[in-house]
């Protein structure tokens, strides 16, 4: 799912974000849209006329007194000047396939101010008009206090992305405050691990690597964050990708070899983008060495990702 070659810079975060919200779709939709949707079920739809063949989150559900609807959600870590047209194309194809009302939501988590249109109005006469819109939530414009007062472990990981201008001024102090609020929350230890791990992922969209490393190294030692379910899900994502790739490769190089090759491909598609984001820039020689590593070694790196903070730490796995 996460591929350096096929995705533009910034979008490698979007698939990871989708994984972090998995299992909390109803709560996410209810908080940001106000819709209380019941009987949520995932929908699979391959889009024919959009640049991206899949969308981030597509669900069908039921709203009392309103009936069945489709919920379409996208996670954006970068501004996309074509977002309006992408969403319109998605809407047309979703309705063509399911013929039921569509609610579309974009959650923008980028560090820069949001610059994407959310509506289109065209009118060339009584019978020639188009009126279209969807909802965009800019997490950077949300108030820190309001999000904190929800006391919701689903929303606390987003604290580092709130109040864009304030966090730019306070920098390290802002992130330190987020972590203190997570640690001092009423959540149990498992919830704190999960929230802290997710907060570290989101912090990567807004803060420099040295600040994140400084603050989260202490948190990791305190909470053992690598034991969180979110961490394990992302690690396992590479294995599941590998199984699918293995099935394809198996037809050509034998089932067992195919599974092995597929697992290597899968973990690489997770590990390489995460390492590139963590180190901001990796020399070509490091990338080549990482691409030659087997799945077991790459899995070991991912298991220790919170402790791999320098190139020297990384080199221990490259020999």
C-alpha atoms as a PDB file:
ATOM      1  CA  UNK A   1       0.000   0.000   0.000  1.00  0.00           C
ATOM      2  CA  UNK A   2       2.828   2.417   0.843  1.00  0.00           C
ATOM      3  CA  UNK A   3       5.139   2.796  -2.125  1.00  0.00           C
ATOM      4  CA  UNK A   4       7.943   5.327  -2.588  1.00  0.00           C
ATOM      5  CA  UNK A   5       7.850   5.084  -6.365  1.00  0.00           C
ATOM      6  CA  UNK A   6       4.095   5.373  -6.867  1.00  0.00           C
ATOM      7  CA  UNK A   7       3.254   8.087  -4.343  1.00  0.00           C
ATOM      8  CA  UNK A   8       4.286  11.723  -4.256  1.00  0.00           C
ATOM      9  CA  UNK A   9       6.157  13.207  -1.291  1.00  0.00           C
ATOM     10  CA  UNK A  10       3.939  13.498   1.763  1.00  0.00           C
ATOM     11  CA  UNK A  11       1.359  10.902   0.822  1.00  0.00           C
ATOM     12  CA  UNK A  12       3.295   8.071   2.480  1.00  0.00           C
ATOM     13  CA  UNK A  13       1.873   9.424   5.731  1.00  0.00           C
ATOM     14  CA  UNK A  14      -1.719   9.213   4.528  1.00  0.00           C
ATOM     15  CA  UNK A  15      -1.843   5.396   4.416  1.00  0.00           C
ATOM     16  CA  UNK A  16      -0.235   5.181   7.863  1.00  0.00           C
ATOM     17  CA  UNK A  17      -2.810   7.632   9.233  1.00  0.00           C
ATOM     18  CA  UNK A  18      -5.592   5.446   7.860  1.00  0.00           C
ATOM     19  CA  UNK A  19      -4.147   2.491   9.781  1.00  0.00           C
ATOM     20  CA  UNK A  20      -3.988   4.516  13.002  1.00  0.00           C
ATOM     21  CA  UNK A  21      -7.716   5.259  12.859  1.00  0.00           C
ATOM     22  CA  UNK A  22      -8.704   1.708  11.955  1.00  0.00           C
ATOM     23  CA  UNK A  23     -11.371   0.377  14.299  1.00  0.00           C
ATOM     24  CA  UNK A  24     -12.523   3.850  15.329  1.00  0.00           C
ATOM     25  CA  UNK A  25     -14.262   4.869  12.106  1.00  0.00           C
ATOM     26  CA  UNK A  26     -17.653   5.496  13.679  1.00  0.00           C
ATOM     27  CA  UNK A  27     -16.233   7.714  16.432  1.00  0.00           C
ATOM     28  CA  UNK A  28     -14.086   9.595  13.923  1.00  0.00           C
ATOM     29  CA  UNK A  29     -17.024  10.271  11.617  1.00  0.00           C
ATOM     30  CA  UNK A  30     -19.316  11.270  14.479  1.00  0.00           C
ATOM     31  CA  UNK A  31     -16.848  13.806  15.931  1.00  0.00           C
ATOM     32  CA  UNK A  32     -15.855  15.534  12.711  1.00  0.00           C
ATOM     33  CA  UNK A  33     -19.130  15.303  10.767  1.00  0.00           C
ATOM     34  CA  UNK A  34     -21.738  15.218  13.516  1.00  0.00           C
ATOM     35  CA  UNK A  35     -23.365  12.174  11.891  1.00  0.00           C
ATOM     36  CA  UNK A  36     -24.286   9.245  14.118  1.00  0.00           C
ATOM     37  CA  UNK A  37     -23.992   6.438  11.572  1.00  0.00           C
ATOM     38  CA  UNK A  38     -24.981   2.896  12.503  1.00  0.00           C
ATOM     39  CA  UNK A  39     -24.236  -0.484  10.899  1.00  0.00           C
ATOM     40  CA  UNK A  40     -21.009   0.729   9.266  1.00  0.00           C
ATOM     41  CA  UNK A  41     -19.569  -1.645   6.683  1.00  0.00           C
ATOM     42  CA  UNK A  42     -16.545  -1.166   4.418  1.00  0.00           C
ATOM     43  CA  UNK A  43     -17.076  -0.783   0.680  1.00  0.00           C
ATOM     44  CA  UNK A  44     -14.606  -1.780  -2.010  1.00  0.00           C
ATOM     45  CA  UNK A  45     -14.643   0.236  -5.196  1.00  0.00           C
ATOM     46  CA  UNK A  46     -11.897   0.582  -7.800  1.00  0.00           C
ATOM     47  CA  UNK A  47     -12.203   3.967  -9.426  1.00  0.00           C
ATOM     48  CA  UNK A  48     -11.925   4.140 -13.195  1.00  0.00           C
ATOM     49  CA  UNK A  49     -11.553   7.860 -13.799  1.00  0.00           C
ATOM     50  CA  UNK A  50      -9.474   9.061 -10.846  1.00  0.00           C
ATOM     51  CA  UNK A  51      -5.697   9.240 -10.545  1.00  0.00           C
ATOM     52  CA  UNK A  52      -5.851   7.248  -7.304  1.00  0.00           C
ATOM     53  CA  UNK A  53      -7.566   3.896  -7.821  1.00  0.00           C
ATOM     54  CA  UNK A  54      -8.693   3.657  -4.194  1.00  0.00           C
ATOM     55  CA  UNK A  55      -9.902   6.137  -1.602  1.00  0.00           C
ATOM     56  CA  UNK A  56      -8.800   6.232   2.035  1.00  0.00           C
ATOM     57  CA  UNK A  57     -12.033   5.257   3.736  1.00  0.00           C
ATOM     58  CA  UNK A  58     -15.292   4.207   2.090  1.00  0.00           C
ATOM     59  CA  UNK A  59     -18.135   2.945   4.282  1.00  0.00           C
ATOM     60  CA  UNK A  60     -21.839   2.395   4.010  1.00  0.00           C
ATOM     61  CA  UNK A  61     -24.116   2.918   6.969  1.00  0.00           C
ATOM     62  CA  UNK A  62     -27.533   3.884   8.204  1.00  0.00           C
ATOM     63  CA  UNK A  63     -28.812   7.070   9.861  1.00  0.00           C
ATOM     64  CA  UNK A  64     -32.069   6.980  11.758  1.00  0.00           C
ATOM     65  CA  UNK A  65     -34.886   8.823   9.959  1.00  0.00           C
ATOM     66  CA  UNK A  66     -32.611   9.463   6.951  1.00  0.00           C
ATOM     67  CA  UNK A  67     -31.855   5.993   5.678  1.00  0.00           C
ATOM     68  CA  UNK A  68     -28.782   4.434   4.077  1.00  0.00           C
ATOM     69  CA  UNK A  69     -25.804   6.586   3.117  1.00  0.00           C
ATOM     70  CA  UNK A  70     -22.182   6.248   1.989  1.00  0.00           C
ATOM     71  CA  UNK A  71     -19.381   7.924   3.992  1.00  0.00           C
ATOM     72  CA  UNK A  72     -16.226   8.812   2.060  1.00  0.00           C
ATOM     73  CA  UNK A  73     -13.231  10.131   4.051  1.00  0.00           C
ATOM     74  CA  UNK A  74      -9.791  11.230   2.841  1.00  0.00           C
ATOM     75  CA  UNK A  75      -6.707  11.975   4.973  1.00  0.00           C
ATOM     76  CA  UNK A  76      -4.434  14.695   3.561  1.00  0.00           C
ATOM     77  CA  UNK A  77      -0.967  15.549   4.869  1.00  0.00           C
ATOM     78  CA  UNK A  78      -0.254  17.989   2.007  1.00  0.00           C
ATOM     79  CA  UNK A  79      -2.241  20.619   0.144  1.00  0.00           C
ATOM     80  CA  UNK A  80      -3.544  19.353  -3.193  1.00  0.00           C
ATOM     81  CA  UNK A  81      -4.708  22.006  -5.630  1.00  0.00           C
ATOM     82  CA  UNK A  82      -6.778  19.364  -7.442  1.00  0.00           C
ATOM     83  CA  UNK A  83      -8.520  18.094  -4.304  1.00  0.00           C
ATOM     84  CA  UNK A  84     -11.880  19.590  -5.259  1.00  0.00           C
ATOM     85  CA  UNK A  85     -11.876  17.829  -8.621  1.00  0.00           C
ATOM     86  CA  UNK A  86     -10.641  14.559  -7.103  1.00  0.00           C
ATOM     87  CA  UNK A  87     -13.488  14.589  -4.601  1.00  0.00           C
ATOM     88  CA  UNK A  88     -16.036  15.405  -7.306  1.00  0.00           C
ATOM     89  CA  UNK A  89     -14.818  12.482  -9.440  1.00  0.00           C
ATOM     90  CA  UNK A  90     -14.960  10.201  -6.415  1.00  0.00           C
ATOM     91  CA  UNK A  91     -18.524  11.361  -5.684  1.00  0.00           C
ATOM     92  CA  UNK A  92     -19.693  10.684  -9.238  1.00  0.00           C
ATOM     93  CA  UNK A  93     -18.243   7.167  -9.328  1.00  0.00           C
ATOM     94  CA  UNK A  94     -19.469   6.293  -5.829  1.00  0.00           C
ATOM     95  CA  UNK A  95     -22.999   7.413  -6.657  1.00  0.00           C
ATOM     96  CA  UNK A  96     -22.903   5.642 -10.003  1.00  0.00           C
ATOM     97  CA  UNK A  97     -22.050   2.410  -8.205  1.00  0.00           C
ATOM     98  CA  UNK A  98     -24.240   2.658  -5.080  1.00  0.00           C
ATOM     99  CA  UNK A  99     -26.975   5.215  -5.873  1.00  0.00           C
ATOM    100  CA  UNK A 100     -27.367   6.484  -2.335  1.00  0.00           C
ATOM    101  CA  UNK A 101     -26.561   9.829  -0.623  1.00  0.00           C
ATOM    102  CA  UNK A 102     -22.834  10.479  -0.111  1.00  0.00           C
ATOM    103  CA  UNK A 103     -21.210  12.373   2.744  1.00  0.00           C
ATOM    104  CA  UNK A 104     -17.620  13.376   1.938  1.00  0.00           C
ATOM    105  CA  UNK A 105     -15.061  14.490   4.494  1.00  0.00           C
ATOM    106  CA  UNK A 106     -11.396  15.503   4.173  1.00  0.00           C
ATOM    107  CA  UNK A 107      -9.188  15.684   7.264  1.00  0.00           C
ATOM    108  CA  UNK A 108      -6.209  17.943   6.541  1.00  0.00           C
ATOM    109  CA  UNK A 109      -3.247  17.331   8.878  1.00  0.00           C
ATOM    110  CA  UNK A 110      -0.565  19.360   7.079  1.00  0.00           C
ATOM    111  CA  UNK A 111       1.922  21.745   8.672  1.00  0.00           C
ATOM    112  CA  UNK A 112       1.169  24.552   6.207  1.00  0.00           C
ATOM    113  CA  UNK A 113      -2.093  26.541   6.185  1.00  0.00           C
ATOM    114  CA  UNK A 114      -4.873  24.747   4.342  1.00  0.00           C
ATOM    115  CA  UNK A 115      -5.343  25.982   0.759  1.00  0.00           C
ATOM    116  CA  UNK A 116      -7.905  23.688  -0.833  1.00  0.00           C
ATOM    117  CA  UNK A 117     -11.322  24.602  -2.199  1.00  0.00           C
ATOM    118  CA  UNK A 118     -14.354  22.784  -0.828  1.00  0.00           C
ATOM    119  CA  UNK A 119     -17.092  23.796  -3.264  1.00  0.00           C
ATOM    120  CA  UNK A 120     -17.856  24.361  -6.935  1.00  0.00           C
ATOM    121  CA  UNK A 121     -20.758  26.410  -8.328  1.00  0.00           C
ATOM    122  CA  UNK A 122     -21.389  26.672 -12.059  1.00  0.00           C
ATOM    123  CA  UNK A 123     -24.508  28.087 -13.698  1.00  0.00           C
ATOM    124  CA  UNK A 124     -25.038  28.604 -17.419  1.00  0.00           C
ATOM    125  CA  UNK A 125     -28.787  28.698 -17.400  1.00  0.00           C
ATOM    126  CA  UNK A 126     -31.803  27.081 -15.812  1.00  0.00           C
ATOM    127  CA  UNK A 127     -30.956  23.614 -17.109  1.00  0.00           C
ATOM    128  CA  UNK A 128     -27.153  23.848 -17.028  1.00  0.00           C
ATOM    129  CA  UNK A 129     -25.785  24.173 -13.518  1.00  0.00           C
ATOM    130  CA  UNK A 130     -23.594  22.346 -11.006  1.00  0.00           C
ATOM    131  CA  UNK A 131     -23.535  22.900  -7.264  1.00  0.00           C
ATOM    132  CA  UNK A 132     -21.129  20.672  -5.365  1.00  0.00           C
ATOM    133  CA  UNK A 133     -19.406  20.771  -1.997  1.00  0.00           C
ATOM    134  CA  UNK A 134     -17.764  18.593   0.651  1.00  0.00           C
ATOM    135  CA  UNK A 135     -16.440  19.172   4.169  1.00  0.00           C
ATOM    136  CA  UNK A 136     -12.780  19.893   4.983  1.00  0.00           C
ATOM    137  CA  UNK A 137     -11.516  19.943   8.552  1.00  0.00           C
ATOM    138  CA  UNK A 138      -8.161  21.696   9.020  1.00  0.00           C
ATOM    139  CA  UNK A 139      -6.749  20.097  12.173  1.00  0.00           C
ATOM    140  CA  UNK A 140      -4.224  22.954  12.447  1.00  0.00           C
ATOM    141  CA  UNK A 141      -7.065  25.429  12.982  1.00  0.00           C
ATOM    142  CA  UNK A 142      -8.643  23.462  15.845  1.00  0.00           C
ATOM    143  CA  UNK A 143      -8.241  24.709  19.413  1.00  0.00           C
ATOM    144  CA  UNK A 144      -5.962  22.692  21.676  1.00  0.00           C
ATOM    145  CA  UNK A 145      -8.161  23.119  24.751  1.00  0.00           C
ATOM    146  CA  UNK A 146     -11.333  21.950  23.010  1.00  0.00           C
ATOM    147  CA  UNK A 147      -9.690  18.787  21.727  1.00  0.00           C
ATOM    148  CA  UNK A 148      -8.098  18.071  25.090  1.00  0.00           C
ATOM    149  CA  UNK A 149     -11.404  18.477  26.924  1.00  0.00           C
ATOM    150  CA  UNK A 150     -12.952  15.661  24.874  1.00  0.00           C
ATOM    151  CA  UNK A 151     -10.846  13.316  27.036  1.00  0.00           C
ATOM    152  CA  UNK A 152     -10.988  10.920  24.085  1.00  0.00           C
ATOM    153  CA  UNK A 153      -7.993   8.634  23.341  1.00  0.00           C
ATOM    154  CA  UNK A 154      -9.027   8.681  19.667  1.00  0.00           C
ATOM    155  CA  UNK A 155      -8.511  12.460  19.446  1.00  0.00           C
ATOM    156  CA  UNK A 156      -5.602  13.065  21.844  1.00  0.00           C
ATOM    157  CA  UNK A 157      -2.970  11.940  19.281  1.00  0.00           C
ATOM    158  CA  UNK A 158      -4.008  14.938  17.161  1.00  0.00           C
ATOM    159  CA  UNK A 159      -3.014  17.441  19.866  1.00  0.00           C
ATOM    160  CA  UNK A 160       0.445  18.089  18.314  1.00  0.00           C
ATOM    161  CA  UNK A 161      -1.262  19.249  15.100  1.00  0.00           C
ATOM    162  CA  UNK A 162      -3.674  21.779  16.630  1.00  0.00           C
ATOM    163  CA  UNK A 163      -3.229  25.587  16.802  1.00  0.00           C
ATOM    164  CA  UNK A 164      -0.785  25.886  13.899  1.00  0.00           C
ATOM    165  CA  UNK A 165       0.464  29.401  14.683  1.00  0.00           C
ATOM    166  CA  UNK A 166       0.876  28.760  18.413  1.00  0.00           C
ATOM    167  CA  UNK A 167       2.843  25.545  17.897  1.00  0.00           C
ATOM    168  CA  UNK A 168       5.156  27.315  15.418  1.00  0.00           C
ATOM    169  CA  UNK A 169       5.971  29.930  18.053  1.00  0.00           C
ATOM    170  CA  UNK A 170       6.353  27.594  21.036  1.00  0.00           C
ATOM    171  CA  UNK A 171       7.918  24.703  19.049  1.00  0.00           C
ATOM    172  CA  UNK A 172       9.450  22.236  21.530  1.00  0.00           C
ATOM    173  CA  UNK A 173       7.430  23.678  24.416  1.00  0.00           C
ATOM    174  CA  UNK A 174       4.169  23.002  22.575  1.00  0.00           C
ATOM    175  CA  UNK A 175       5.010  19.370  21.894  1.00  0.00           C
ATOM    176  CA  UNK A 176       6.269  18.900  25.447  1.00  0.00           C
ATOM    177  CA  UNK A 177       2.913  20.177  26.708  1.00  0.00           C
ATOM    178  CA  UNK A 178       1.080  17.665  24.510  1.00  0.00           C
ATOM    179  CA  UNK A 179       3.087  14.782  25.934  1.00  0.00           C
ATOM    180  CA  UNK A 180       2.601  15.930  29.514  1.00  0.00           C
ATOM    181  CA  UNK A 181      -1.163  16.066  28.954  1.00  0.00           C
ATOM    182  CA  UNK A 182      -1.112  12.545  27.504  1.00  0.00           C
ATOM    183  CA  UNK A 183       0.937  11.170  30.408  1.00  0.00           C
ATOM    184  CA  UNK A 184      -1.177  12.978  33.006  1.00  0.00           C
ATOM    185  CA  UNK A 185      -4.481  11.957  31.405  1.00  0.00           C
ATOM    186  CA  UNK A 186      -6.934   9.532  32.984  1.00  0.00           C
ATOM    187  CA  UNK A 187      -6.249   6.912  30.310  1.00  0.00           C
ATOM    188  CA  UNK A 188      -4.973   3.513  31.379  1.00  0.00           C
ATOM    189  CA  UNK A 189      -1.405   2.493  30.533  1.00  0.00           C
ATOM    190  CA  UNK A 190      -2.379   0.683  27.315  1.00  0.00           C
ATOM    191  CA  UNK A 191      -4.315   3.708  26.089  1.00  0.00           C
ATOM    192  CA  UNK A 192      -1.416   6.026  26.956  1.00  0.00           C
ATOM    193  CA  UNK A 193       0.970   3.855  24.938  1.00  0.00           C
ATOM    194  CA  UNK A 194      -1.367   3.887  21.965  1.00  0.00           C
ATOM    195  CA  UNK A 195      -1.989   7.635  22.180  1.00  0.00           C
ATOM    196  CA  UNK A 196       1.717   8.448  22.596  1.00  0.00           C
ATOM    197  CA  UNK A 197       2.717   6.249  19.652  1.00  0.00           C
ATOM    198  CA  UNK A 198       0.114   7.846  17.384  1.00  0.00           C
ATOM    199  CA  UNK A 199       1.047  11.329  18.633  1.00  0.00           C
ATOM    200  CA  UNK A 200       4.641  10.669  17.578  1.00  0.00           C
ATOM    201  CA  UNK A 201       3.500   9.756  14.067  1.00  0.00           C
ATOM    202  CA  UNK A 202       1.389  12.911  13.778  1.00  0.00           C
ATOM    203  CA  UNK A 203       4.124  15.080  15.309  1.00  0.00           C
ATOM    204  CA  UNK A 204       6.301  14.110  12.344  1.00  0.00           C
ATOM    205  CA  UNK A 205       4.033  16.265  10.184  1.00  0.00           C
ATOM    206  CA  UNK A 206       4.648  19.423  12.220  1.00  0.00           C
ATOM    207  CA  UNK A 207       7.930  19.253  14.140  1.00  0.00           C
ATOM    208  CA  UNK A 208      11.588  18.746  13.285  1.00  0.00           C
ATOM    209  CA  UNK A 209      13.173  15.375  13.866  1.00  0.00           C
ATOM    210  CA  UNK A 210      15.541  16.523  16.639  1.00  0.00           C
ATOM    211  CA  UNK A 211      12.650  17.887  18.719  1.00  0.00           C
ATOM    212  CA  UNK A 212      10.621  14.697  18.270  1.00  0.00           C
ATOM    213  CA  UNK A 213      13.586  12.483  19.162  1.00  0.00           C
ATOM    214  CA  UNK A 214      14.389  14.518  22.270  1.00  0.00           C
ATOM    215  CA  UNK A 215      10.863  14.405  23.664  1.00  0.00           C
ATOM    216  CA  UNK A 216       9.767  10.930  22.643  1.00  0.00           C
ATOM    217  CA  UNK A 217      12.943   9.123  23.713  1.00  0.00           C
ATOM    218  CA  UNK A 218      11.985   9.797  27.328  1.00  0.00           C
ATOM    219  CA  UNK A 219       8.352   8.885  26.686  1.00  0.00           C
ATOM    220  CA  UNK A 220       9.364   5.615  25.052  1.00  0.00           C
ATOM    221  CA  UNK A 221      11.376   4.596  28.107  1.00  0.00           C
ATOM    222  CA  UNK A 222       8.473   5.478  30.363  1.00  0.00           C
ATOM    223  CA  UNK A 223       5.637   3.828  28.427  1.00  0.00           C
ATOM    224  CA  UNK A 224       7.338   1.141  26.262  1.00  0.00           C
ATOM    225  CA  UNK A 225       5.509   2.532  23.243  1.00  0.00           C
ATOM    226  CA  UNK A 226       6.575  -0.254  20.890  1.00  0.00           C
ATOM    227  CA  UNK A 227       4.118  -2.503  22.730  1.00  0.00           C
ATOM    228  CA  UNK A 228       1.147  -0.426  21.550  1.00  0.00           C
ATOM    229  CA  UNK A 229      -1.409  -2.041  19.257  1.00  0.00           C
ATOM    230  CA  UNK A 230      -0.957   0.720  16.680  1.00  0.00           C
ATOM    231  CA  UNK A 231       2.758   0.036  16.436  1.00  0.00           C
ATOM    232  CA  UNK A 232       2.136  -3.679  15.990  1.00  0.00           C
ATOM    233  CA  UNK A 233      -0.526  -3.071  13.321  1.00  0.00           C
ATOM    234  CA  UNK A 234       1.817  -0.975  11.209  1.00  0.00           C
ATOM    235  CA  UNK A 235       4.552  -3.576  11.590  1.00  0.00           C
ATOM    236  CA  UNK A 236       2.143  -6.352  10.611  1.00  0.00           C
ATOM    237  CA  UNK A 237       0.919  -4.348   7.614  1.00  0.00           C
ATOM    238  CA  UNK A 238       4.133  -5.173   5.797  1.00  0.00           C
ATOM    239  CA  UNK A 239       3.590  -8.868   6.427  1.00  0.00           C
ATOM    240  CA  UNK A 240       0.034  -8.775   5.053  1.00  0.00           C
ATOM    241  CA  UNK A 241       1.212  -6.943   1.951  1.00  0.00           C
ATOM    242  CA  UNK A 242       3.863  -9.598   1.605  1.00  0.00           C
ATOM    243  CA  UNK A 243       1.348 -12.422   1.704  1.00  0.00           C
ATOM    244  CA  UNK A 244      -0.631 -10.887  -1.161  1.00  0.00           C
ATOM    245  CA  UNK A 245       2.500 -10.215  -3.168  1.00  0.00           C
ATOM    246  CA  UNK A 246       3.665 -13.739  -2.404  1.00  0.00           C
ATOM    247  CA  UNK A 247       0.530 -15.218  -3.924  1.00  0.00           C
ATOM    248  CA  UNK A 248       1.248 -13.343  -7.141  1.00  0.00           C
ATOM    249  CA  UNK A 249       4.931 -14.209  -7.187  1.00  0.00           C
ATOM    250  CA  UNK A 250       4.181 -17.818  -6.276  1.00  0.00           C
ATOM    251  CA  UNK A 251       2.751 -18.571  -9.693  1.00  0.00           C
ATOM    252  CA  UNK A 252       6.095 -17.725 -11.284  1.00  0.00           C
ATOM    253  CA  UNK A 253       8.746 -18.781  -8.794  1.00  0.00           C
ATOM    254  CA  UNK A 254       7.037 -21.392  -6.627  1.00  0.00           C
ATOM    255  CA  UNK A 255       4.658 -20.950  -3.717  1.00  0.00           C
ATOM    256  CA  UNK A 256       7.190 -20.966  -0.878  1.00  0.00           C
ATOM    257  CA  UNK A 257       9.648 -18.726  -2.723  1.00  0.00           C
ATOM    258  CA  UNK A 258       6.750 -16.493  -3.668  1.00  0.00           C
ATOM    259  CA  UNK A 259       5.671 -16.072  -0.059  1.00  0.00           C
ATOM    260  CA  UNK A 260       9.233 -15.282   0.952  1.00  0.00           C
ATOM    261  CA  UNK A 261       9.686 -12.779  -1.863  1.00  0.00           C
ATOM    262  CA  UNK A 262       6.304 -11.229  -1.164  1.00  0.00           C
ATOM    263  CA  UNK A 263       7.074 -10.812   2.531  1.00  0.00           C
ATOM    264  CA  UNK A 264      10.296  -9.009   1.601  1.00  0.00           C
ATOM    265  CA  UNK A 265       8.377  -6.681  -0.723  1.00  0.00           C
ATOM    266  CA  UNK A 266       5.702  -6.050   1.902  1.00  0.00           C
ATOM    267  CA  UNK A 267       7.978  -5.088   4.788  1.00  0.00           C
ATOM    268  CA  UNK A 268      10.056  -2.890   2.464  1.00  0.00           C
ATOM    269  CA  UNK A 269       6.944  -0.957   1.487  1.00  0.00           C
ATOM    270  CA  UNK A 270       6.422  -0.140   5.150  1.00  0.00           C
ATOM    271  CA  UNK A 271       9.989   0.205   6.462  1.00  0.00           C
ATOM    272  CA  UNK A 272      11.582   2.337   3.735  1.00  0.00           C
ATOM    273  CA  UNK A 273       9.031   5.191   3.785  1.00  0.00           C
ATOM    274  CA  UNK A 274       9.021   5.299   7.603  1.00  0.00           C
ATOM    275  CA  UNK A 275      12.839   5.465   7.712  1.00  0.00           C
ATOM    276  CA  UNK A 276      12.928   8.155   5.026  1.00  0.00           C
ATOM    277  CA  UNK A 277      10.512  10.288   7.051  1.00  0.00           C
ATOM    278  CA  UNK A 278      12.368   9.637  10.318  1.00  0.00           C
ATOM    279  CA  UNK A 279      15.767  10.647   8.918  1.00  0.00           C
ATOM    280  CA  UNK A 280      14.389  13.268   6.487  1.00  0.00           C
ATOM    281  CA  UNK A 281      17.159  12.381   4.029  1.00  0.00           C
ATOM    282  CA  UNK A 282      18.872   9.043   3.574  1.00  0.00           C
ATOM    283  CA  UNK A 283      21.951   8.845   1.319  1.00  0.00           C
ATOM    284  CA  UNK A 284      21.538   6.634  -1.723  1.00  0.00           C
ATOM    285  CA  UNK A 285      24.034   4.142  -0.335  1.00  0.00           C
ATOM    286  CA  UNK A 286      21.829   3.578   2.733  1.00  0.00           C
ATOM    287  CA  UNK A 287      18.715   3.098   0.611  1.00  0.00           C
ATOM    288  CA  UNK A 288      20.502   0.520  -1.548  1.00  0.00           C
ATOM    289  CA  UNK A 289      21.649  -1.402   1.542  1.00  0.00           C
ATOM    290  CA  UNK A 290      18.140  -1.325   3.025  1.00  0.00           C
ATOM    291  CA  UNK A 291      16.653  -2.644  -0.209  1.00  0.00           C
ATOM    292  CA  UNK A 292      18.981  -5.661  -0.002  1.00  0.00           C
ATOM    293  CA  UNK A 293      17.999  -6.577   3.557  1.00  0.00           C
ATOM    294  CA  UNK A 294      15.730  -9.552   4.149  1.00  0.00           C
ATOM    295  CA  UNK A 295      12.320  -9.317   5.814  1.00  0.00           C
ATOM    296  CA  UNK A 296      13.591 -10.506   9.213  1.00  0.00           C
ATOM    297  CA  UNK A 297      16.220  -7.743   9.427  1.00  0.00           C
ATOM    298  CA  UNK A 298      13.760  -5.075   8.259  1.00  0.00           C
ATOM    299  CA  UNK A 299      11.237  -6.314  10.835  1.00  0.00           C
ATOM    300  CA  UNK A 300      13.936  -6.020  13.506  1.00  0.00           C
ATOM    301  CA  UNK A 301      14.537  -2.394  12.494  1.00  0.00           C
ATOM    302  CA  UNK A 302      10.820  -1.648  12.724  1.00  0.00           C
ATOM    303  CA  UNK A 303      10.567  -3.300  16.138  1.00  0.00           C
ATOM    304  CA  UNK A 304      13.371  -1.020  17.335  1.00  0.00           C
ATOM    305  CA  UNK A 305      12.336   2.051  15.341  1.00  0.00           C
ATOM    306  CA  UNK A 306      11.929   4.206  18.444  1.00  0.00           C
ATOM    307  CA  UNK A 307      15.543   3.452  19.400  1.00  0.00           C
ATOM    308  CA  UNK A 308      16.984   3.962  15.917  1.00  0.00           C
ATOM    309  CA  UNK A 309      17.609   7.705  16.120  1.00  0.00           C
ATOM    310  CA  UNK A 310      20.948   8.191  14.323  1.00  0.00           C
ATOM    311  CA  UNK A 311      22.586   6.839  11.192  1.00  0.00           C
ATOM    312  CA  UNK A 312      25.002   5.037  13.488  1.00  0.00           C
ATOM    313  CA  UNK A 313      22.059   3.214  15.079  1.00  0.00           C
ATOM    314  CA  UNK A 314      20.832   2.262  11.620  1.00  0.00           C
ATOM    315  CA  UNK A 315      24.248   1.033  10.497  1.00  0.00           C
ATOM    316  CA  UNK A 316      24.131  -1.711  13.148  1.00  0.00           C
ATOM    317  CA  UNK A 317      21.488  -3.438  11.044  1.00  0.00           C
ATOM    318  CA  UNK A 318      23.208  -2.918   7.680  1.00  0.00           C
ATOM    319  CA  UNK A 319      26.198  -5.204   8.186  1.00  0.00           C
END
